Amino acid sequence: MEKDLKELKEISRKFIDERDWRQFQTSKDLAEDISVEANELLELFLWKSGKELDKKAKEDKEFLQKIKNETSDVFFGCLALADHLDFDLEEAFLSKMRQLEKRYDKEEVKGKSVKISEEEWLKKNK
């Protein structure tokens, strides 16, 4: 049973409205919530090696469920923020991917671990 982003945004909207939580939400609050939830996800990985964690996530269903739960909390926050500010999250994502495709030209970065800031890329492409 797949759902598109509009349906998922509606599910999050209904959840919030049924609990009358909108009165407590501002874009700042929602952004803070996303950050807190992202840090709860990160906490699952703290002080462990990446390869060790990849193996654990594939073998330990309980650990993978914790990752899924925290990732879903982050996603819920993103849906709630998009709803609160009334923007199309799907279009925002696709627009960002188009920007990243330009910034990280596949021929230039393939096989390399690089970070190119937006500011750096803009200077290079003036």
PDB file of N, CA and C in Angstrom:
ATOM      1  N   MET A   1       0.845  -1.176   0.000  1.00  0.00           N
ATOM      2  CA  MET A   1       0.000   0.000   0.000  1.00  0.00           C
ATOM      3  C   MET A   1       0.895   1.246   0.000  1.00  0.00           C
ATOM      4  N   GLU A   2       1.259   1.683  -1.173  1.00  0.00           N
ATOM      5  CA  GLU A   2       2.093   2.881  -1.289  1.00  0.00           C
ATOM      6  C   GLU A   2       1.244   4.135  -1.246  1.00  0.00           C
ATOM      7  N   LYS A   3       1.820   5.174  -0.682  1.00  0.00           N
ATOM      8  CA  LYS A   3       1.156   6.471  -0.622  1.00  0.00           C
ATOM      9  C   LYS A   3       2.110   7.507  -1.193  1.00  0.00           C
ATOM     10  N   ASP A   4       1.550   8.543  -1.799  1.00  0.00           N
ATOM     11  CA  ASP A   4       2.422   9.609  -2.277  1.00  0.00           C
ATOM     12  C   ASP A   4       2.600  10.646  -1.167  1.00  0.00           C
ATOM     13  N   LEU A   5       3.468  11.603  -1.410  1.00  0.00           N
ATOM     14  CA  LEU A   5       3.776  12.598  -0.367  1.00  0.00           C
ATOM     15  C   LEU A   5       2.555  13.419   0.030  1.00  0.00           C
ATOM     16  N   LYS A   6       1.694  13.720  -0.909  1.00  0.00           N
ATOM     17  CA  LYS A   6       0.483  14.491  -0.570  1.00  0.00           C
ATOM     18  C   LYS A   6      -0.383  13.712   0.420  1.00  0.00           C
ATOM     19  N   GLU A   7      -0.502  12.399   0.205  1.00  0.00           N
ATOM     20  CA  GLU A   7      -1.279  11.572   1.125  1.00  0.00           C
ATOM     21  C   GLU A   7      -0.611  11.498   2.492  1.00  0.00           C
ATOM     22  N   LEU A   8       0.700  11.368   2.512  1.00  0.00           N
ATOM     23  CA  LEU A   8       1.420  11.314   3.787  1.00  0.00           C
ATOM     24  C   LEU A   8       1.306  12.641   4.535  1.00  0.00           C
ATOM     25  N   LYS A   9       1.376  13.746   3.805  1.00  0.00           N
ATOM     26  CA  LYS A   9       1.215  15.067   4.424  1.00  0.00           C
ATOM     27  C   LYS A   9      -0.184  15.184   5.024  1.00  0.00           C
ATOM     28  N   GLU A  10      -1.184  14.660   4.334  1.00  0.00           N
ATOM     29  CA  GLU A  10      -2.557  14.691   4.838  1.00  0.00           C
ATOM     30  C   GLU A  10      -2.699  13.839   6.099  1.00  0.00           C
ATOM     31  N   ILE A  11      -2.026  12.685   6.134  1.00  0.00           N
ATOM     32  CA  ILE A  11      -2.056  11.830   7.324  1.00  0.00           C
ATOM     33  C   ILE A  11      -1.443  12.571   8.516  1.00  0.00           C
ATOM     34  N   SER A  12      -0.320  13.251   8.297  1.00  0.00           N
ATOM     35  CA  SER A  12       0.312  13.998   9.401  1.00  0.00           C
ATOM     36  C   SER A  12      -0.571  15.172   9.821  1.00  0.00           C
ATOM     37  N   ARG A  13      -1.193  15.851   8.842  1.00  0.00           N
ATOM     38  CA  ARG A  13      -2.096  16.974   9.156  1.00  0.00           C
ATOM     39  C   ARG A  13      -3.257  16.495  10.023  1.00  0.00           C
ATOM     40  N   LYS A  14      -3.861  15.388   9.639  1.00  0.00           N
ATOM     41  CA  LYS A  14      -4.997  14.840  10.389  1.00  0.00           C
ATOM     42  C   LYS A  14      -4.570  14.479  11.809  1.00  0.00           C
ATOM     43  N   PHE A  15      -3.419  13.842  11.945  1.00  0.00           N
ATOM     44  CA  PHE A  15      -2.910  13.460  13.256  1.00  0.00           C
ATOM     45  C   PHE A  15      -2.751  14.687  14.148  1.00  0.00           C
ATOM     46  N   ILE A  16      -2.150  15.739  13.609  1.00  0.00           N
ATOM     47  CA  ILE A  16      -1.927  16.981  14.363  1.00  0.00           C
ATOM     48  C   ILE A  16      -3.254  17.642  14.726  1.00  0.00           C
ATOM     49  N   ASP A  17      -4.151  17.745  13.739  1.00  0.00           N
ATOM     50  CA  ASP A  17      -5.423  18.429  13.971  1.00  0.00           C
ATOM     51  C   ASP A  17      -6.328  17.678  14.941  1.00  0.00           C
ATOM     52  N   GLU A  18      -6.324  16.350  14.898  1.00  0.00           N
ATOM     53  CA  GLU A  18      -7.153  15.569  15.826  1.00  0.00           C
ATOM     54  C   GLU A  18      -6.701  15.752  17.271  1.00  0.00           C
ATOM     55  N   ARG A  19      -5.466  16.137  17.461  1.00  0.00           N
ATOM     56  CA  ARG A  19      -4.936  16.353  18.807  1.00  0.00           C
ATOM     57  C   ARG A  19      -4.897  17.838  19.172  1.00  0.00           C
ATOM     58  N   ASP A  20      -5.334  18.690  18.257  1.00  0.00           N
ATOM     59  CA  ASP A  20      -5.350  20.143  18.451  1.00  0.00           C
ATOM     60  C   ASP A  20      -3.964  20.672  18.822  1.00  0.00           C
ATOM     61  N   TRP A  21      -2.947  20.173  18.129  1.00  0.00           N
ATOM     62  CA  TRP A  21      -1.564  20.571  18.391  1.00  0.00           C
ATOM     63  C   TRP A  21      -1.111  21.744  17.533  1.00  0.00           C
ATOM     64  N   ARG A  22      -1.861  22.086  16.515  1.00  0.00           N
ATOM     65  CA  ARG A  22      -1.436  23.156  15.615  1.00  0.00           C
ATOM     66  C   ARG A  22      -1.218  24.466  16.385  1.00  0.00           C
ATOM     67  N   GLN A  23      -1.995  24.669  17.437  1.00  0.00           N
ATOM     68  CA  GLN A  23      -1.877  25.892  18.242  1.00  0.00           C
ATOM     69  C   GLN A  23      -0.502  26.034  18.888  1.00  0.00           C
ATOM     70  N   PHE A  24       0.219  24.930  19.023  1.00  0.00           N
ATOM     71  CA  PHE A  24       1.534  24.962  19.659  1.00  0.00           C
ATOM     72  C   PHE A  24       2.678  24.995  18.653  1.00  0.00           C
ATOM     73  N   GLN A  25       2.339  24.984  17.365  1.00  0.00           N
ATOM     74  CA  GLN A  25       3.373  24.843  16.345  1.00  0.00           C
ATOM     75  C   GLN A  25       3.669  26.153  15.628  1.00  0.00           C
ATOM     76  N   THR A  26       4.952  26.434  15.529  1.00  0.00           N
ATOM     77  CA  THR A  26       5.449  27.495  14.653  1.00  0.00           C
ATOM     78  C   THR A  26       6.508  26.837  13.782  1.00  0.00           C
ATOM     79  N   SER A  27       6.911  27.505  12.747  1.00  0.00           N
ATOM     80  CA  SER A  27       7.956  26.918  11.900  1.00  0.00           C
ATOM     81  C   SER A  27       9.236  26.689  12.711  1.00  0.00           C
ATOM     82  N   LYS A  28       9.531  27.589  13.642  1.00  0.00           N
ATOM     83  CA  LYS A  28      10.706  27.429  14.507  1.00  0.00           C
ATOM     84  C   LYS A  28      10.582  26.164  15.346  1.00  0.00           C
ATOM     85  N   ASP A  29       9.420  25.964  15.964  1.00  0.00           N
ATOM     86  CA  ASP A  29       9.203  24.771  16.789  1.00  0.00           C
ATOM     87  C   ASP A  29       9.351  23.493  15.964  1.00  0.00           C
ATOM     88  N   LEU A  30       8.800  23.502  14.778  1.00  0.00           N
ATOM     89  CA  LEU A  30       8.860  22.318  13.931  1.00  0.00           C
ATOM     90  C   LEU A  30      10.284  22.039  13.460  1.00  0.00           C
ATOM     91  N   ALA A  31      11.025  23.097  13.138  1.00  0.00           N
ATOM     92  CA  ALA A  31      12.428  22.912  12.741  1.00  0.00           C
ATOM     93  C   ALA A  31      13.243  22.367  13.915  1.00  0.00           C
ATOM     94  N   GLU A  32      12.982  22.871  15.110  1.00  0.00           N
ATOM     95  CA  GLU A  32      13.675  22.352  16.296  1.00  0.00           C
ATOM     96  C   GLU A  32      13.331  20.881  16.514  1.00  0.00           C
ATOM     97  N   ASP A  33      12.067  20.533  16.320  1.00  0.00           N
ATOM     98  CA  ASP A  33      11.649  19.145  16.477  1.00  0.00           C
ATOM     99  C   ASP A  33      12.385  18.233  15.497  1.00  0.00           C
ATOM    100  N   ILE A  34      12.503  18.670  14.253  1.00  0.00           N
ATOM    101  CA  ILE A  34      13.228  17.879  13.252  1.00  0.00           C
ATOM    102  C   ILE A  34      14.670  17.667  13.701  1.00  0.00           C
ATOM    103  N   SER A  35      15.291  18.715  14.201  1.00  0.00           N
ATOM    104  CA  SER A  35      16.673  18.614  14.660  1.00  0.00           C
ATOM    105  C   SER A  35      16.806  17.648  15.839  1.00  0.00           C
ATOM    106  N   VAL A  36      15.913  17.748  16.798  1.00  0.00           N
ATOM    107  CA  VAL A  36      15.948  16.866  17.962  1.00  0.00           C
ATOM    108  C   VAL A  36      15.774  15.412  17.521  1.00  0.00           C
ATOM    109  N   GLU A  37      14.804  15.184  16.645  1.00  0.00           N
ATOM    110  CA  GLU A  37      14.567  13.813  16.179  1.00  0.00           C
ATOM    111  C   GLU A  37      15.760  13.288  15.382  1.00  0.00           C
ATOM    112  N   ALA A  38      16.379  14.139  14.572  1.00  0.00           N
ATOM    113  CA  ALA A  38      17.564  13.726  13.812  1.00  0.00           C
ATOM    114  C   ALA A  38      18.699  13.357  14.765  1.00  0.00           C
ATOM    115  N   ASN A  39      18.802  14.083  15.870  1.00  0.00           N
ATOM    116  CA  ASN A  39      19.835  13.767  16.854  1.00  0.00           C
ATOM    117  C   ASN A  39      19.522  12.482  17.611  1.00  0.00           C
ATOM    118  N   GLU A  40      18.252  12.163  17.798  1.00  0.00           N
ATOM    119  CA  GLU A  40      17.893  10.883  18.402  1.00  0.00           C
ATOM    120  C   GLU A  40      18.276   9.740  17.459  1.00  0.00           C
ATOM    121  N   LEU A  41      18.124   9.951  16.166  1.00  0.00           N
ATOM    122  CA  LEU A  41      18.582   8.975  15.179  1.00  0.00           C
ATOM    123  C   LEU A  41      20.100   8.834  15.263  1.00  0.00           C
ATOM    124  N   LEU A  42      20.788   9.951  15.288  1.00  0.00           N
ATOM    125  CA  LEU A  42      22.248   9.942  15.357  1.00  0.00           C
ATOM    126  C   LEU A  42      22.754   9.253  16.619  1.00  0.00           C
ATOM    127  N   GLU A  43      22.034   9.411  17.706  1.00  0.00           N
ATOM    128  CA  GLU A  43      22.443   8.802  18.972  1.00  0.00           C
ATOM    129  C   GLU A  43      22.542   7.277  18.864  1.00  0.00           C
ATOM    130  N   LEU A  44      21.733   6.669  18.014  1.00  0.00           N
ATOM    131  CA  LEU A  44      21.795   5.218  17.823  1.00  0.00           C
ATOM    132  C   LEU A  44      23.146   4.780  17.261  1.00  0.00           C
ATOM    133  N   PHE A  45      23.841   5.695  16.590  1.00  0.00           N
ATOM    134  CA  PHE A  45      25.093   5.381  15.922  1.00  0.00           C
ATOM    135  C   PHE A  45      26.330   5.869  16.688  1.00  0.00           C
ATOM    136  N   LEU A  46      26.108   6.542  17.794  1.00  0.00           N
ATOM    137  CA  LEU A  46      27.188   7.165  18.541  1.00  0.00           C
ATOM    138  C   LEU A  46      28.211   6.156  19.037  1.00  0.00           C
ATOM    139  N   TRP A  47      29.471   6.461  18.804  1.00  0.00           N
ATOM    140  CA  TRP A  47      30.629   5.720  19.303  1.00  0.00           C
ATOM    141  C   TRP A  47      30.769   4.311  18.726  1.00  0.00           C
ATOM    142  N   LYS A  48      30.188   4.078  17.580  1.00  0.00           N
ATOM    143  CA  LYS A  48      30.324   2.778  16.932  1.00  0.00           C
ATOM    144  C   LYS A  48      30.836   2.985  15.519  1.00  0.00           C
ATOM    145  N   SER A  49      31.511   1.995  14.970  1.00  0.00           N
ATOM    146  CA  SER A  49      32.022   2.144  13.609  1.00  0.00           C
ATOM    147  C   SER A  49      30.890   1.977  12.594  1.00  0.00           C
ATOM    148  N   GLY A  50      31.025   2.637  11.466  1.00  0.00           N
ATOM    149  CA  GLY A  50      30.003   2.585  10.425  1.00  0.00           C
ATOM    150  C   GLY A  50      29.751   1.182   9.911  1.00  0.00           C
ATOM    151  N   LYS A  51      30.817   0.448   9.644  1.00  0.00           N
ATOM    152  CA  LYS A  51      30.674  -0.917   9.111  1.00  0.00           C
ATOM    153  C   LYS A  51      30.008  -1.835  10.139  1.00  0.00           C
ATOM    154  N   GLU A  52      30.385  -1.647  11.403  1.00  0.00           N
ATOM    155  CA  GLU A  52      29.781  -2.430  12.484  1.00  0.00           C
ATOM    156  C   GLU A  52      28.271  -2.162  12.550  1.00  0.00           C
ATOM    157  N   LEU A  53      27.893  -0.905  12.416  1.00  0.00           N
ATOM    158  CA  LEU A  53      26.487  -0.523  12.488  1.00  0.00           C
ATOM    159  C   LEU A  53      25.697  -1.009  11.286  1.00  0.00           C
ATOM    160  N   ASP A  54      26.291  -0.948  10.102  1.00  0.00           N
ATOM    161  CA  ASP A  54      25.617  -1.465   8.909  1.00  0.00           C
ATOM    162  C   ASP A  54      25.290  -2.944   9.089  1.00  0.00           C
ATOM    163  N   LYS A  55      26.255  -3.685   9.608  1.00  0.00           N
ATOM    164  CA  LYS A  55      26.067  -5.125   9.840  1.00  0.00           C
ATOM    165  C   LYS A  55      24.971  -5.353  10.886  1.00  0.00           C
ATOM    166  N   LYS A  56      25.033  -4.580  11.971  1.00  0.00           N
ATOM    167  CA  LYS A  56      24.045  -4.721  13.041  1.00  0.00           C
ATOM    168  C   LYS A  56      22.643  -4.412  12.532  1.00  0.00           C
ATOM    169  N   ALA A  57      22.497  -3.357  11.728  1.00  0.00           N
ATOM    170  CA  ALA A  57      21.179  -2.979  11.213  1.00  0.00           C
ATOM    171  C   ALA A  57      20.598  -4.072  10.314  1.00  0.00           C
ATOM    172  N   LYS A  58      21.464  -4.777   9.597  1.00  0.00           N
ATOM    173  CA  LYS A  58      20.998  -5.847   8.712  1.00  0.00           C
ATOM    174  C   LYS A  58      20.662  -7.126   9.472  1.00  0.00           C
ATOM    175  N   GLU A  59      21.292  -7.327  10.618  1.00  0.00           N
ATOM    176  CA  GLU A  59      21.128  -8.583  11.363  1.00  0.00           C
ATOM    177  C   GLU A  59      20.221  -8.461  12.585  1.00  0.00           C
ATOM    178  N   ASP A  60      20.113  -7.272  13.146  1.00  0.00           N
ATOM    179  CA  ASP A  60      19.374  -7.063  14.394  1.00  0.00           C
ATOM    180  C   ASP A  60      18.074  -6.314  14.088  1.00  0.00           C
ATOM    181  N   LYS A  61      16.972  -7.052  14.065  1.00  0.00           N
ATOM    182  CA  LYS A  61      15.678  -6.451  13.698  1.00  0.00           C
ATOM    183  C   LYS A  61      15.232  -5.378  14.689  1.00  0.00           C
ATOM    184  N   GLU A  62      15.553  -5.547  15.939  1.00  0.00           N
ATOM    185  CA  GLU A  62      15.171  -4.560  16.957  1.00  0.00           C
ATOM    186  C   GLU A  62      15.930  -3.238  16.726  1.00  0.00           C
ATOM    187  N   PHE A  63      17.211  -3.343  16.426  1.00  0.00           N
ATOM    188  CA  PHE A  63      18.012  -2.147  16.141  1.00  0.00           C
ATOM    189  C   PHE A  63      17.511  -1.456  14.878  1.00  0.00           C
ATOM    190  N   LEU A  64      17.228  -2.236  13.847  1.00  0.00           N
ATOM    191  CA  LEU A  64      16.698  -1.658  12.605  1.00  0.00           C
ATOM    192  C   LEU A  64      15.362  -0.969  12.863  1.00  0.00           C
ATOM    193  N   GLN A  65      14.523  -1.537  13.739  1.00  0.00           N
ATOM    194  CA  GLN A  65      13.240  -0.909  14.055  1.00  0.00           C
ATOM    195  C   GLN A  65      13.449   0.437  14.736  1.00  0.00           C
ATOM    196  N   LYS A  66      14.453   0.526  15.608  1.00  0.00           N
ATOM    197  CA  LYS A  66      14.758   1.811  16.252  1.00  0.00           C
ATOM    198  C   LYS A  66      15.164   2.843  15.192  1.00  0.00           C
ATOM    199  N   ILE A  67      15.969   2.426  14.220  1.00  0.00           N
ATOM    200  CA  ILE A  67      16.377   3.322  13.133  1.00  0.00           C
ATOM    201  C   ILE A  67      15.152   3.771  12.334  1.00  0.00           C
ATOM    202  N   LYS A  68      14.284   2.840  12.028  1.00  0.00           N
ATOM    203  CA  LYS A  68      13.057   3.164  11.282  1.00  0.00           C
ATOM    204  C   LYS A  68      12.193   4.156  12.060  1.00  0.00           C
ATOM    205  N   ASN A  69      12.049   3.917  13.358  1.00  0.00           N
ATOM    206  CA  ASN A  69      11.222   4.807  14.182  1.00  0.00           C
ATOM    207  C   ASN A  69      11.776   6.226  14.210  1.00  0.00           C
ATOM    208  N   GLU A  70      13.071   6.355  14.435  1.00  0.00           N
ATOM    209  CA  GLU A  70      13.666   7.694  14.507  1.00  0.00           C
ATOM    210  C   GLU A  70      13.647   8.379  13.139  1.00  0.00           C
ATOM    211  N   THR A  71      13.891   7.622  12.077  1.00  0.00           N
ATOM    212  CA  THR A  71      13.834   8.190  10.729  1.00  0.00           C
ATOM    213  C   THR A  71      12.414   8.671  10.431  1.00  0.00           C
ATOM    214  N   SER A  72      11.433   7.894  10.860  1.00  0.00           N
ATOM    215  CA  SER A  72      10.035   8.282  10.651  1.00  0.00           C
ATOM    216  C   SER A  72       9.678   9.535  11.435  1.00  0.00           C
ATOM    217  N   ASP A  73      10.244   9.678  12.634  1.00  0.00           N
ATOM    218  CA  ASP A  73      10.013  10.906  13.409  1.00  0.00           C
ATOM    219  C   ASP A  73      10.546  12.128  12.665  1.00  0.00           C
ATOM    220  N   VAL A  74      11.728  12.006  12.062  1.00  0.00           N
ATOM    221  CA  VAL A  74      12.302  13.102  11.276  1.00  0.00           C
ATOM    222  C   VAL A  74      11.395  13.413  10.092  1.00  0.00           C
ATOM    223  N   PHE A  75      10.966  12.366   9.394  1.00  0.00           N
ATOM    224  CA  PHE A  75      10.109  12.535   8.223  1.00  0.00           C
ATOM    225  C   PHE A  75       8.776  13.173   8.599  1.00  0.00           C
ATOM    226  N   PHE A  76       8.190  12.748   9.728  1.00  0.00           N
ATOM    227  CA  PHE A  76       6.946  13.346  10.206  1.00  0.00           C
ATOM    228  C   PHE A  76       7.135  14.848  10.428  1.00  0.00           C
ATOM    229  N   GLY A  77       8.260  15.215  11.031  1.00  0.00           N
ATOM    230  CA  GLY A  77       8.541  16.634  11.255  1.00  0.00           C
ATOM    231  C   GLY A  77       8.644  17.401   9.946  1.00  0.00           C
ATOM    232  N   CYS A  78       9.262  16.803   8.954  1.00  0.00           N
ATOM    233  CA  CYS A  78       9.382  17.444   7.634  1.00  0.00           C
ATOM    234  C   CYS A  78       8.009  17.624   6.987  1.00  0.00           C
ATOM    235  N   LEU A  79       7.175  16.591   7.097  1.00  0.00           N
ATOM    236  CA  LEU A  79       5.815  16.697   6.560  1.00  0.00           C
ATOM    237  C   LEU A  79       5.030  17.789   7.287  1.00  0.00           C
ATOM    238  N   ALA A  80       5.176  17.839   8.602  1.00  0.00           N
ATOM    239  CA  ALA A  80       4.457  18.844   9.396  1.00  0.00           C
ATOM    240  C   ALA A  80       4.924  20.252   9.052  1.00  0.00           C
ATOM    241  N   LEU A  81       6.221  20.427   8.849  1.00  0.00           N
ATOM    242  CA  LEU A  81       6.749  21.746   8.491  1.00  0.00           C
ATOM    243  C   LEU A  81       6.252  22.162   7.106  1.00  0.00           C
ATOM    244  N   ALA A  82       6.267  21.232   6.162  1.00  0.00           N
ATOM    245  CA  ALA A  82       5.773  21.529   4.813  1.00  0.00           C
ATOM    246  C   ALA A  82       4.299  21.901   4.857  1.00  0.00           C
ATOM    247  N   ASP A  83       3.534  21.214   5.683  1.00  0.00           N
ATOM    248  CA  ASP A  83       2.116  21.540   5.833  1.00  0.00           C
ATOM    249  C   ASP A  83       1.945  22.910   6.480  1.00  0.00           C
ATOM    250  N   HIS A  84       2.700  23.148   7.538  1.00  0.00           N
ATOM    251  CA  HIS A  84       2.595  24.419   8.269  1.00  0.00           C
ATOM    252  C   HIS A  84       2.906  25.615   7.376  1.00  0.00           C
ATOM    253  N   LEU A  85       3.932  25.483   6.540  1.00  0.00           N
ATOM    254  CA  LEU A  85       4.330  26.590   5.658  1.00  0.00           C
ATOM    255  C   LEU A  85       3.695  26.473   4.269  1.00  0.00           C
ATOM    256  N   ASP A  86       2.873  25.464   4.096  1.00  0.00           N
ATOM    257  CA  ASP A  86       2.105  25.244   2.862  1.00  0.00           C
ATOM    258  C   ASP A  86       2.995  25.224   1.622  1.00  0.00           C
ATOM    259  N   PHE A  87       3.995  24.333   1.643  1.00  0.00           N
ATOM    260  CA  PHE A  87       4.780  24.141   0.431  1.00  0.00           C
ATOM    261  C   PHE A  87       4.763  22.665   0.039  1.00  0.00           C
ATOM    262  N   ASP A  88       5.001  22.450  -1.226  1.00  0.00           N
ATOM    263  CA  ASP A  88       4.986  21.107  -1.799  1.00  0.00           C
ATOM    264  C   ASP A  88       6.342  20.459  -1.537  1.00  0.00           C
ATOM    265  N   LEU A  89       6.378  19.522  -0.612  1.00  0.00           N
ATOM    266  CA  LEU A  89       7.634  18.875  -0.224  1.00  0.00           C
ATOM    267  C   LEU A  89       8.238  18.090  -1.385  1.00  0.00           C
ATOM    268  N   GLU A  90       7.392  17.483  -2.181  1.00  0.00           N
ATOM    269  CA  GLU A  90       7.898  16.736  -3.336  1.00  0.00           C
ATOM    270  C   GLU A  90       8.605  17.669  -4.313  1.00  0.00           C
ATOM    271  N   GLU A  91       7.994  18.793  -4.618  1.00  0.00           N
ATOM    272  CA  GLU A  91       8.622  19.751  -5.536  1.00  0.00           C
ATOM    273  C   GLU A  91       9.889  20.340  -4.924  1.00  0.00           C
ATOM    274  N   ALA A  92       9.867  20.611  -3.615  1.00  0.00           N
ATOM    275  CA  ALA A  92      11.063  21.130  -2.945  1.00  0.00           C
ATOM    276  C   ALA A  92      12.200  20.123  -3.051  1.00  0.00           C
ATOM    277  N   PHE A  93      11.897  18.850  -2.852  1.00  0.00           N
ATOM    278  CA  PHE A  93      12.914  17.806  -2.948  1.00  0.00           C
ATOM    279  C   PHE A  93      13.460  17.698  -4.370  1.00  0.00           C
ATOM    280  N   LEU A  94      12.573  17.683  -5.338  1.00  0.00           N
ATOM    281  CA  LEU A  94      13.017  17.554  -6.730  1.00  0.00           C
ATOM    282  C   LEU A  94      13.842  18.763  -7.157  1.00  0.00           C
ATOM    283  N   SER A  95      13.452  19.946  -6.707  1.00  0.00           N
ATOM    284  CA  SER A  95      14.208  21.165  -7.011  1.00  0.00           C
ATOM    285  C   SER A  95      15.608  21.086  -6.403  1.00  0.00           C
ATOM    286  N   LYS A  96      15.688  20.623  -5.166  1.00  0.00           N
ATOM    287  CA  LYS A  96      16.983  20.480  -4.505  1.00  0.00           C
ATOM    288  C   LYS A  96      17.847  19.451  -5.223  1.00  0.00           C
ATOM    289  N   MET A  97      17.254  18.360  -5.670  1.00  0.00           N
ATOM    290  CA  MET A  97      18.018  17.344  -6.403  1.00  0.00           C
ATOM    291  C   MET A  97      18.574  17.916  -7.705  1.00  0.00           C
ATOM    292  N   ARG A  98      17.807  18.769  -8.383  1.00  0.00           N
ATOM    293  CA  ARG A  98      18.310  19.411  -9.606  1.00  0.00           C
ATOM    294  C   ARG A  98      19.509  20.306  -9.277  1.00  0.00           C
ATOM    295  N   GLN A  99      19.437  21.030  -8.169  1.00  0.00           N
ATOM    296  CA  GLN A  99      20.561  21.862  -7.736  1.00  0.00           C
ATOM    297  C   GLN A  99      21.793  21.004  -7.442  1.00  0.00           C
ATOM    298  N   LEU A 100      21.572  19.897  -6.733  1.00  0.00           N
ATOM    299  CA  LEU A 100      22.696  19.022  -6.373  1.00  0.00           C
ATOM    300  C   LEU A 100      23.314  18.355  -7.594  1.00  0.00           C
ATOM    301  N   GLU A 101      22.492  18.031  -8.580  1.00  0.00           N
ATOM    302  CA  GLU A 101      23.026  17.446  -9.818  1.00  0.00           C
ATOM    303  C   GLU A 101      23.995  18.413 -10.499  1.00  0.00           C
ATOM    304  N   LYS A 102      23.692  19.696 -10.438  1.00  0.00           N
ATOM    305  CA  LYS A 102      24.589  20.705 -11.022  1.00  0.00           C
ATOM    306  C   LYS A 102      25.837  20.884 -10.159  1.00  0.00           C
ATOM    307  N   ARG A 103      25.641  20.951  -8.855  1.00  0.00           N
ATOM    308  CA  ARG A 103      26.759  21.192  -7.947  1.00  0.00           C
ATOM    309  C   ARG A 103      27.727  20.015  -7.914  1.00  0.00           C
ATOM    310  N   TYR A 104      27.190  18.819  -7.934  1.00  0.00           N
ATOM    311  CA  TYR A 104      28.009  17.611  -7.876  1.00  0.00           C
ATOM    312  C   TYR A 104      27.960  16.891  -9.219  1.00  0.00           C
ATOM    313  N   ASP A 105      28.631  17.478 -10.208  1.00  0.00           N
ATOM    314  CA  ASP A 105      28.679  16.881 -11.535  1.00  0.00           C
ATOM    315  C   ASP A 105      29.217  15.462 -11.416  1.00  0.00           C
ATOM    316  N   LYS A 106      28.472  14.504 -11.937  1.00  0.00           N
ATOM    317  CA  LYS A 106      28.848  13.096 -11.734  1.00  0.00           C
ATOM    318  C   LYS A 106      30.219  12.762 -12.298  1.00  0.00           C
ATOM    319  N   GLU A 107      30.617  13.427 -13.357  1.00  0.00           N
ATOM    320  CA  GLU A 107      31.933  13.151 -13.943  1.00  0.00           C
ATOM    321  C   GLU A 107      33.061  13.686 -13.055  1.00  0.00           C
ATOM    322  N   GLU A 108      32.786  14.759 -12.314  1.00  0.00           N
ATOM    323  CA  GLU A 108      33.809  15.363 -11.463  1.00  0.00           C
ATOM    324  C   GLU A 108      33.936  14.684 -10.096  1.00  0.00           C
ATOM    325  N   VAL A 109      32.835  14.163  -9.579  1.00  0.00           N
ATOM    326  CA  VAL A 109      32.860  13.665  -8.199  1.00  0.00           C
ATOM    327  C   VAL A 109      32.721  12.153  -8.072  1.00  0.00           C
ATOM    328  N   LYS A 110      32.515  11.468  -9.158  1.00  0.00           N
ATOM    329  CA  LYS A 110      32.275  10.023  -9.104  1.00  0.00           C
ATOM    330  C   LYS A 110      33.411   9.317  -8.363  1.00  0.00           C
ATOM    331  N   GLY A 111      33.014   8.545  -7.331  1.00  0.00           N
ATOM    332  CA  GLY A 111      33.981   7.780  -6.557  1.00  0.00           C
ATOM    333  C   GLY A 111      34.740   8.596  -5.525  1.00  0.00           C
ATOM    334  N   LYS A 112      34.394   9.873  -5.383  1.00  0.00           N
ATOM    335  CA  LYS A 112      35.092  10.749  -4.425  1.00  0.00           C
ATOM    336  C   LYS A 112      34.126  11.161  -3.321  1.00  0.00           C
ATOM    337  N   SER A 113      34.633  11.264  -2.116  1.00  0.00           N
ATOM    338  CA  SER A 113      33.861  11.764  -0.993  1.00  0.00           C
ATOM    339  C   SER A 113      34.145  13.257  -0.876  1.00  0.00           C
ATOM    340  N   VAL A 114      33.221  14.081  -1.368  1.00  0.00           N
ATOM    341  CA  VAL A 114      33.447  15.524  -1.394  1.00  0.00           C
ATOM    342  C   VAL A 114      32.254  16.264  -0.807  1.00  0.00           C
ATOM    343  N   LYS A 115      32.531  17.455  -0.317  1.00  0.00           N
ATOM    344  CA  LYS A 115      31.493  18.366   0.168  1.00  0.00           C
ATOM    345  C   LYS A 115      31.748  19.713  -0.493  1.00  0.00           C
ATOM    346  N   ILE A 116      30.800  20.158  -1.282  1.00  0.00           N
ATOM    347  CA  ILE A 116      30.917  21.453  -1.948  1.00  0.00           C
ATOM    348  C   ILE A 116      29.795  22.336  -1.412  1.00  0.00           C
ATOM    349  N   SER A 117      30.158  23.386  -0.697  1.00  0.00           N
ATOM    350  CA  SER A 117      29.129  24.259  -0.139  1.00  0.00           C
ATOM    351  C   SER A 117      28.440  25.010  -1.271  1.00  0.00           C
ATOM    352  N   GLU A 118      27.231  25.445  -1.006  1.00  0.00           N
ATOM    353  CA  GLU A 118      26.489  26.216  -2.011  1.00  0.00           C
ATOM    354  C   GLU A 118      27.248  27.500  -2.342  1.00  0.00           C
ATOM    355  N   GLU A 119      27.798  28.137  -1.316  1.00  0.00           N
ATOM    356  CA  GLU A 119      28.563  29.375  -1.512  1.00  0.00           C
ATOM    357  C   GLU A 119      29.772  29.124  -2.411  1.00  0.00           C
ATOM    358  N   GLU A 120      30.483  28.041  -2.143  1.00  0.00           N
ATOM    359  CA  GLU A 120      31.658  27.663  -2.948  1.00  0.00           C
ATOM    360  C   GLU A 120      31.263  27.413  -4.407  1.00  0.00           C
ATOM    361  N   TRP A 121      30.162  26.712  -4.589  1.00  0.00           N
ATOM    362  CA  TRP A 121      29.710  26.376  -5.944  1.00  0.00           C
ATOM    363  C   TRP A 121      29.282  27.641  -6.703  1.00  0.00           C
ATOM    364  N   LEU A 122      28.591  28.543  -5.999  1.00  0.00           N
ATOM    365  CA  LEU A 122      28.149  29.790  -6.636  1.00  0.00           C
ATOM    366  C   LEU A 122      29.346  30.628  -7.090  1.00  0.00           C
ATOM    367  N   LYS A 123      30.382  30.714  -6.262  1.00  0.00           N
ATOM    368  CA  LYS A 123      31.585  31.467  -6.637  1.00  0.00           C
ATOM    369  C   LYS A 123      32.226  30.878  -7.882  1.00  0.00           C
ATOM    370  N   LYS A 124      32.290  29.564  -7.924  1.00  0.00           N
ATOM    371  CA  LYS A 124      32.914  28.857  -9.041  1.00  0.00           C
ATOM    372  C   LYS A 124      32.103  29.019 -10.337  1.00  0.00           C
ATOM    373  N   ASN A 125      30.812  29.215 -10.235  1.00  0.00           N
ATOM    374  CA  ASN A 125      29.929  29.226 -11.405  1.00  0.00           C
ATOM    375  C   ASN A 125      29.325  30.581 -11.712  1.00  0.00           C
ATOM    376  N   LYS A 126      30.007  31.650 -11.349  1.00  0.00           N
ATOM    377  CA  LYS A 126      29.516  33.010 -11.673  1.00  0.00           C
ATOM    378  C   LYS A 126      29.840  33.355 -13.088  1.00  0.00           C
TER     379      LYS A 126
END
